[in-house]
Amino acid sequence: MAYQIEKEIKCPLASRDENISKRNIHWRRPPVGFVTINTDGSYKNGYSACGGLIRDHRGHFVKGFLRNLGTGNALLAELCGILFGCQMARDMRLTHVILETDSTHVVNMINNRFTSIFYLQPLLHEVISLIHLPSWTIHVNHIHREANSCVDALAFKGHDVGFTHVLLDSIPAYISTLLDKDLRGACSSIVVS
């Protein structure tokens, strides 16, 4: 699984519905020999941006990116983030990859190899072509937004960079605390029913 459930406790709302509980989750390092690519898209006032980062099996930052996509929507931003993350991994010759995104819709599009949204079809086809390169082992997983906060910040920052693709070779100050939180295994809580 893309996240680890630390424990399950009853939520204060449980008095109304006994099926509601709270789970603590956190970002999880990939196994030795793998890297994790986390990606996210952002949509604000009719404009899209995306961001992503690659981390090694120790959880250390390898490389990142952010990009302003101009006009668009959330699905376009999510799919572009995945495409750019895969392209970056390919260019770095990383062959054992766990790809994580917080968009279940996009994970389903990739796993089903289909979208009925016509303008996303070429982009989806390009992602699928990359994911199925013969030399790659790649797993596409959903991760809860609360465990994907580093790239959420990158994607949001993407709105501010103009129409350019920014590659990050070092950790930007605005995500260093979030990366440290992930390295320490700090949990975030989500309510589930």
C-alpha atoms as a PDB file:
ATOM      1  CA  MET A   1       0.000   0.000   0.000  1.00  0.00           C
ATOM      2  CA  ALA A   2       1.096   3.564  -0.634  1.00  0.00           C
ATOM      3  CA  TYR A   3       0.632   4.536   2.981  1.00  0.00           C
ATOM      4  CA  GLN A   4       0.924   2.830   6.297  1.00  0.00           C
ATOM      5  CA  ILE A   5      -1.862   2.721   8.820  1.00  0.00           C
ATOM      6  CA  GLU A   6      -0.276   3.230  12.211  1.00  0.00           C
ATOM      7  CA  LYS A   7      -3.336   2.696  14.369  1.00  0.00           C
ATOM      8  CA  GLU A   8      -7.073   3.027  14.320  1.00  0.00           C
ATOM      9  CA  ILE A   9      -8.905   4.836  17.108  1.00  0.00           C
ATOM     10  CA  LYS A  10     -12.480   5.903  17.584  1.00  0.00           C
ATOM     11  CA  CYS A  11     -13.247   9.438  16.482  1.00  0.00           C
ATOM     12  CA  PRO A  12     -15.275  11.861  18.673  1.00  0.00           C
ATOM     13  CA  LEU A  13     -17.998  11.671  16.025  1.00  0.00           C
ATOM     14  CA  ALA A  14     -18.309   7.948  16.725  1.00  0.00           C
ATOM     15  CA  SER A  15     -21.068   8.577  19.227  1.00  0.00           C
ATOM     16  CA  ARG A  16     -23.325   9.413  16.272  1.00  0.00           C
ATOM     17  CA  ASP A  17     -22.041   6.698  13.947  1.00  0.00           C
ATOM     18  CA  GLU A  18     -20.095   3.763  15.300  1.00  0.00           C
ATOM     19  CA  ASN A  19     -18.589   3.088  11.858  1.00  0.00           C
ATOM     20  CA  ILE A  20     -16.594   6.345  11.864  1.00  0.00           C
ATOM     21  CA  SER A  21     -12.981   6.131  12.996  1.00  0.00           C
ATOM     22  CA  LYS A  22      -9.758   8.055  12.659  1.00  0.00           C
ATOM     23  CA  ARG A  23      -6.649   6.616  11.009  1.00  0.00           C
ATOM     24  CA  ASN A  24      -3.151   7.985  11.275  1.00  0.00           C
ATOM     25  CA  ILE A  25      -1.212   7.750   8.029  1.00  0.00           C
ATOM     26  CA  HIS A  26       2.175   8.857   6.774  1.00  0.00           C
ATOM     27  CA  TRP A  27       4.345   8.795   3.671  1.00  0.00           C
ATOM     28  CA  ARG A  28       6.271   5.536   3.414  1.00  0.00           C
ATOM     29  CA  ARG A  29       9.739   5.029   1.964  1.00  0.00           C
ATOM     30  CA  PRO A  30      10.088   2.721  -1.028  1.00  0.00           C
ATOM     31  CA  PRO A  31      11.878  -0.617  -0.659  1.00  0.00           C
ATOM     32  CA  VAL A  32      15.621  -0.819  -1.281  1.00  0.00           C
ATOM     33  CA  GLY A  33      16.358  -0.602  -4.999  1.00  0.00           C
ATOM     34  CA  PHE A  34      13.270   1.518  -5.727  1.00  0.00           C
ATOM     35  CA  VAL A  35      12.563   5.232  -5.850  1.00  0.00           C
ATOM     36  CA  THR A  36       9.236   6.875  -5.184  1.00  0.00           C
ATOM     37  CA  ILE A  37       7.870   9.569  -7.458  1.00  0.00           C
ATOM     38  CA  ASN A  38       5.163  11.607  -5.760  1.00  0.00           C
ATOM     39  CA  THR A  39       3.152  13.917  -8.011  1.00  0.00           C
ATOM     40  CA  ASP A  40       0.276  16.310  -7.602  1.00  0.00           C
ATOM     41  CA  GLY A  41      -1.754  18.752  -9.626  1.00  0.00           C
ATOM     42  CA  SER A  42      -3.186  22.089  -8.580  1.00  0.00           C
ATOM     43  CA  TYR A  43      -6.125  24.015 -10.001  1.00  0.00           C
ATOM     44  CA  LYS A  44      -6.736  27.638  -9.053  1.00  0.00           C
ATOM     45  CA  ASN A  45      -8.957  30.251 -10.730  1.00  0.00           C
ATOM     46  CA  GLY A  46      -9.034  28.431 -14.073  1.00  0.00           C
ATOM     47  CA  TYR A  47      -5.288  27.736 -14.149  1.00  0.00           C
ATOM     48  CA  SER A  48      -3.403  24.488 -13.619  1.00  0.00           C
ATOM     49  CA  ALA A  49       0.027  23.642 -12.261  1.00  0.00           C
ATOM     50  CA  CYS A  50       1.781  20.481 -11.169  1.00  0.00           C
ATOM     51  CA  GLY A  51       4.734  19.347  -9.134  1.00  0.00           C
ATOM     52  CA  GLY A  52       6.590  16.224  -8.223  1.00  0.00           C
ATOM     53  CA  LEU A  53       9.626  14.823  -6.536  1.00  0.00           C
ATOM     54  CA  ILE A  54      11.717  11.693  -6.504  1.00  0.00           C
ATOM     55  CA  ARG A  55      12.962  10.147  -3.245  1.00  0.00           C
ATOM     56  CA  ASP A  56      15.255   7.176  -2.714  1.00  0.00           C
ATOM     57  CA  HIS A  57      14.764   4.170  -0.400  1.00  0.00           C
ATOM     58  CA  ARG A  58      16.082   6.201   2.547  1.00  0.00           C
ATOM     59  CA  GLY A  59      13.466   8.864   1.888  1.00  0.00           C
ATOM     60  CA  HIS A  60      16.046  11.386   0.715  1.00  0.00           C
ATOM     61  CA  PHE A  61      15.278  13.966  -1.954  1.00  0.00           C
ATOM     62  CA  VAL A  62      16.740  13.082  -5.370  1.00  0.00           C
ATOM     63  CA  LYS A  63      15.139  15.593  -7.745  1.00  0.00           C
ATOM     64  CA  GLY A  64      11.934  17.572  -8.154  1.00  0.00           C
ATOM     65  CA  PHE A  65       9.971  19.738 -10.535  1.00  0.00           C
ATOM     66  CA  LEU A  66       7.149  22.228 -10.742  1.00  0.00           C
ATOM     67  CA  ARG A  67       5.370  23.632 -13.738  1.00  0.00           C
ATOM     68  CA  ASN A  68       2.734  26.203 -14.577  1.00  0.00           C
ATOM     69  CA  LEU A  69       0.426  24.656 -17.192  1.00  0.00           C
ATOM     70  CA  GLY A  70      -1.714  27.717 -17.942  1.00  0.00           C
ATOM     71  CA  THR A  71      -5.447  27.252 -18.416  1.00  0.00           C
ATOM     72  CA  GLY A  72      -6.701  23.795 -17.618  1.00  0.00           C
ATOM     73  CA  ASN A  73      -8.341  21.729 -14.934  1.00  0.00           C
ATOM     74  CA  ALA A  74      -7.444  19.464 -12.014  1.00  0.00           C
ATOM     75  CA  LEU A  75      -7.367  16.210 -14.025  1.00  0.00           C
ATOM     76  CA  LEU A  76      -5.090  17.720 -16.639  1.00  0.00           C
ATOM     77  CA  ALA A  77      -2.766  18.951 -13.874  1.00  0.00           C
ATOM     78  CA  GLU A  78      -2.684  15.546 -12.145  1.00  0.00           C
ATOM     79  CA  LEU A  79      -1.973  13.672 -15.384  1.00  0.00           C
ATOM     80  CA  CYS A  80       0.714  16.170 -16.464  1.00  0.00           C
ATOM     81  CA  GLY A  81       2.402  15.767 -13.074  1.00  0.00           C
ATOM     82  CA  ILE A  82       2.547  12.014 -13.596  1.00  0.00           C
ATOM     83  CA  LEU A  83       3.850  12.411 -17.153  1.00  0.00           C
ATOM     84  CA  PHE A  84       6.614  14.832 -16.109  1.00  0.00           C
ATOM     85  CA  GLY A  85       7.574  12.627 -13.146  1.00  0.00           C
ATOM     86  CA  CYS A  86       7.845   9.572 -15.413  1.00  0.00           C
ATOM     87  CA  GLN A  87       9.842  11.510 -17.998  1.00  0.00           C
ATOM     88  CA  MET A  88      12.230  12.714 -15.304  1.00  0.00           C
ATOM     89  CA  ALA A  89      12.726   9.149 -14.016  1.00  0.00           C
ATOM     90  CA  ARG A  90      13.283   7.873 -17.552  1.00  0.00           C
ATOM     91  CA  ASP A  91      15.834  10.591 -18.267  1.00  0.00           C
ATOM     92  CA  MET A  92      17.647   9.684 -15.025  1.00  0.00           C
ATOM     93  CA  ARG A  93      17.547   5.983 -16.014  1.00  0.00           C
ATOM     94  CA  LEU A  94      15.638   5.025 -12.862  1.00  0.00           C
ATOM     95  CA  THR A  95      14.030   1.661 -13.625  1.00  0.00           C
ATOM     96  CA  HIS A  96      12.385   0.583 -10.355  1.00  0.00           C
ATOM     97  CA  VAL A  97       9.721   3.124  -9.520  1.00  0.00           C
ATOM     98  CA  ILE A  98       6.739   3.511  -7.227  1.00  0.00           C
ATOM     99  CA  LEU A  99       4.538   6.311  -8.548  1.00  0.00           C
ATOM    100  CA  GLU A 100       2.144   7.887  -6.048  1.00  0.00           C
ATOM    101  CA  THR A 101      -0.641  10.390  -6.656  1.00  0.00           C
ATOM    102  CA  ASP A 102      -3.592  11.477  -4.542  1.00  0.00           C
ATOM    103  CA  SER A 103      -6.019  11.336  -7.477  1.00  0.00           C
ATOM    104  CA  THR A 104      -7.950   8.070  -7.473  1.00  0.00           C
ATOM    105  CA  HIS A 105      -9.578   9.135 -10.729  1.00  0.00           C
ATOM    106  CA  VAL A 106      -6.216   9.367 -12.508  1.00  0.00           C
ATOM    107  CA  VAL A 107      -4.980   6.087 -10.962  1.00  0.00           C
ATOM    108  CA  ASN A 108      -8.121   4.411 -12.323  1.00  0.00           C
ATOM    109  CA  MET A 109      -7.616   5.983 -15.768  1.00  0.00           C
ATOM    110  CA  ILE A 110      -4.050   4.622 -15.879  1.00  0.00           C
ATOM    111  CA  ASN A 111      -4.952   1.159 -14.571  1.00  0.00           C
ATOM    112  CA  ASN A 112      -7.934   0.870 -16.935  1.00  0.00           C
ATOM    113  CA  ARG A 113      -5.936   2.429 -19.788  1.00  0.00           C
ATOM    114  CA  PHE A 114      -8.967   4.501 -20.682  1.00  0.00           C
ATOM    115  CA  THR A 115     -10.595   7.879 -20.272  1.00  0.00           C
ATOM    116  CA  SER A 116     -13.748   9.104 -21.954  1.00  0.00           C
ATOM    117  CA  ILE A 117     -12.425  12.686 -21.740  1.00  0.00           C
ATOM    118  CA  PHE A 118     -11.222  13.085 -25.320  1.00  0.00           C
ATOM    119  CA  TYR A 119      -8.641  15.831 -24.780  1.00  0.00           C
ATOM    120  CA  LEU A 120      -6.905  13.760 -22.060  1.00  0.00           C
ATOM    121  CA  GLN A 121      -6.620  10.634 -24.247  1.00  0.00           C
ATOM    122  CA  PRO A 122      -3.283  11.557 -25.942  1.00  0.00           C
ATOM    123  CA  LEU A 123      -1.755  12.516 -22.584  1.00  0.00           C
ATOM    124  CA  LEU A 124      -2.992   9.304 -20.968  1.00  0.00           C
ATOM    125  CA  HIS A 125      -1.608   7.274 -23.882  1.00  0.00           C
ATOM    126  CA  GLU A 126       1.803   8.918 -23.427  1.00  0.00           C
ATOM    127  CA  VAL A 127       1.795   8.125 -19.677  1.00  0.00           C
ATOM    128  CA  ILE A 128       0.812   4.504 -20.329  1.00  0.00           C
ATOM    129  CA  SER A 129       3.547   4.169 -22.959  1.00  0.00           C
ATOM    130  CA  LEU A 130       6.140   5.346 -20.452  1.00  0.00           C
ATOM    131  CA  ILE A 131       4.827   3.159 -17.645  1.00  0.00           C
ATOM    132  CA  HIS A 132       5.016   0.075 -19.827  1.00  0.00           C
ATOM    133  CA  LEU A 133       8.577   0.537 -21.081  1.00  0.00           C
ATOM    134  CA  PRO A 134      10.147  -2.935 -21.224  1.00  0.00           C
ATOM    135  CA  SER A 135      13.058  -1.975 -18.959  1.00  0.00           C
ATOM    136  CA  TRP A 136      10.843  -0.525 -16.197  1.00  0.00           C
ATOM    137  CA  THR A 137       9.244  -1.928 -13.095  1.00  0.00           C
ATOM    138  CA  ILE A 138       6.674   0.664 -12.073  1.00  0.00           C
ATOM    139  CA  HIS A 139       3.792   0.519  -9.618  1.00  0.00           C
ATOM    140  CA  VAL A 140       1.089   3.206  -9.754  1.00  0.00           C
ATOM    141  CA  ASN A 141      -0.525   3.773  -6.354  1.00  0.00           C
ATOM    142  CA  HIS A 142      -3.017   6.078  -4.735  1.00  0.00           C
ATOM    143  CA  ILE A 143      -1.739   7.957  -1.689  1.00  0.00           C
ATOM    144  CA  HIS A 144      -3.895  10.030   0.639  1.00  0.00           C
ATOM    145  CA  ARG A 145      -3.515  13.770   0.211  1.00  0.00           C
ATOM    146  CA  GLU A 146      -2.362  14.058   3.823  1.00  0.00           C
ATOM    147  CA  ALA A 147       0.648  11.851   3.017  1.00  0.00           C
ATOM    148  CA  ASN A 148       1.373  13.750  -0.214  1.00  0.00           C
ATOM    149  CA  SER A 149       1.893  17.229   1.268  1.00  0.00           C
ATOM    150  CA  CYS A 150       5.380  17.846  -0.170  1.00  0.00           C
ATOM    151  CA  VAL A 151       4.199  17.713  -3.759  1.00  0.00           C
ATOM    152  CA  ASP A 152       0.973  19.497  -2.916  1.00  0.00           C
ATOM    153  CA  ALA A 153       3.183  22.445  -1.937  1.00  0.00           C
ATOM    154  CA  LEU A 154       5.267  22.081  -5.130  1.00  0.00           C
ATOM    155  CA  ALA A 155       2.170  21.977  -7.338  1.00  0.00           C
ATOM    156  CA  PHE A 156       0.695  25.039  -5.635  1.00  0.00           C
ATOM    157  CA  LYS A 157       4.006  26.896  -6.039  1.00  0.00           C
ATOM    158  CA  GLY A 158       3.885  25.988  -9.742  1.00  0.00           C
ATOM    159  CA  HIS A 159       1.268  28.703 -10.249  1.00  0.00           C
ATOM    160  CA  ASP A 160       3.937  31.312  -9.463  1.00  0.00           C
ATOM    161  CA  VAL A 161       6.714  30.255 -11.861  1.00  0.00           C
ATOM    162  CA  GLY A 162       5.470  31.585 -15.185  1.00  0.00           C
ATOM    163  CA  PHE A 163       5.020  29.208 -18.092  1.00  0.00           C
ATOM    164  CA  THR A 164       8.168  27.237 -17.553  1.00  0.00           C
ATOM    165  CA  HIS A 165       9.275  23.819 -16.338  1.00  0.00           C
ATOM    166  CA  VAL A 166      11.416  24.225 -13.210  1.00  0.00           C
ATOM    167  CA  LEU A 167      13.754  21.354 -12.309  1.00  0.00           C
ATOM    168  CA  LEU A 168      14.870  21.171  -8.697  1.00  0.00           C
ATOM    169  CA  ASP A 169      18.273  19.716  -7.885  1.00  0.00           C
ATOM    170  CA  SER A 170      18.082  20.740  -4.238  1.00  0.00           C
ATOM    171  CA  ILE A 171      15.337  20.986  -1.648  1.00  0.00           C
ATOM    172  CA  PRO A 172      13.398  24.268  -1.815  1.00  0.00           C
ATOM    173  CA  ALA A 173      13.039  25.952   1.585  1.00  0.00           C
ATOM    174  CA  TYR A 174       9.228  25.934   1.367  1.00  0.00           C
ATOM    175  CA  ILE A 175       9.085  22.100   1.464  1.00  0.00           C
ATOM    176  CA  SER A 176      12.048  21.296   3.734  1.00  0.00           C
ATOM    177  CA  THR A 177       9.854  21.050   6.850  1.00  0.00           C
ATOM    178  CA  LEU A 178       7.391  18.797   5.018  1.00  0.00           C
ATOM    179  CA  LEU A 179      10.194  16.530   3.782  1.00  0.00           C
ATOM    180  CA  ASP A 180      11.589  16.342   7.305  1.00  0.00           C
ATOM    181  CA  LYS A 181       8.133  15.387   8.599  1.00  0.00           C
ATOM    182  CA  ASP A 182       8.000  12.536   6.053  1.00  0.00           C
ATOM    183  CA  LEU A 183      11.505  11.349   6.989  1.00  0.00           C
ATOM    184  CA  ARG A 184      10.532  11.219  10.669  1.00  0.00           C
ATOM    185  CA  GLY A 185       7.380   9.244   9.815  1.00  0.00           C
ATOM    186  CA  ALA A 186       5.119  11.891  11.356  1.00  0.00           C
ATOM    187  CA  CYS A 187       1.454  10.971  11.019  1.00  0.00           C
ATOM    188  CA  SER A 188      -1.564  12.874   9.794  1.00  0.00           C
ATOM    189  CA  SER A 189      -5.069  11.816  10.753  1.00  0.00           C
ATOM    190  CA  ILE A 190      -7.922  11.082   8.385  1.00  0.00           C
ATOM    191  CA  VAL A 191     -11.518  10.268   9.255  1.00  0.00           C
ATOM    192  CA  VAL A 192     -12.859   7.088   7.647  1.00  0.00           C
ATOM    193  CA  SER A 193     -16.245   5.434   7.785  1.00  0.00           C
END
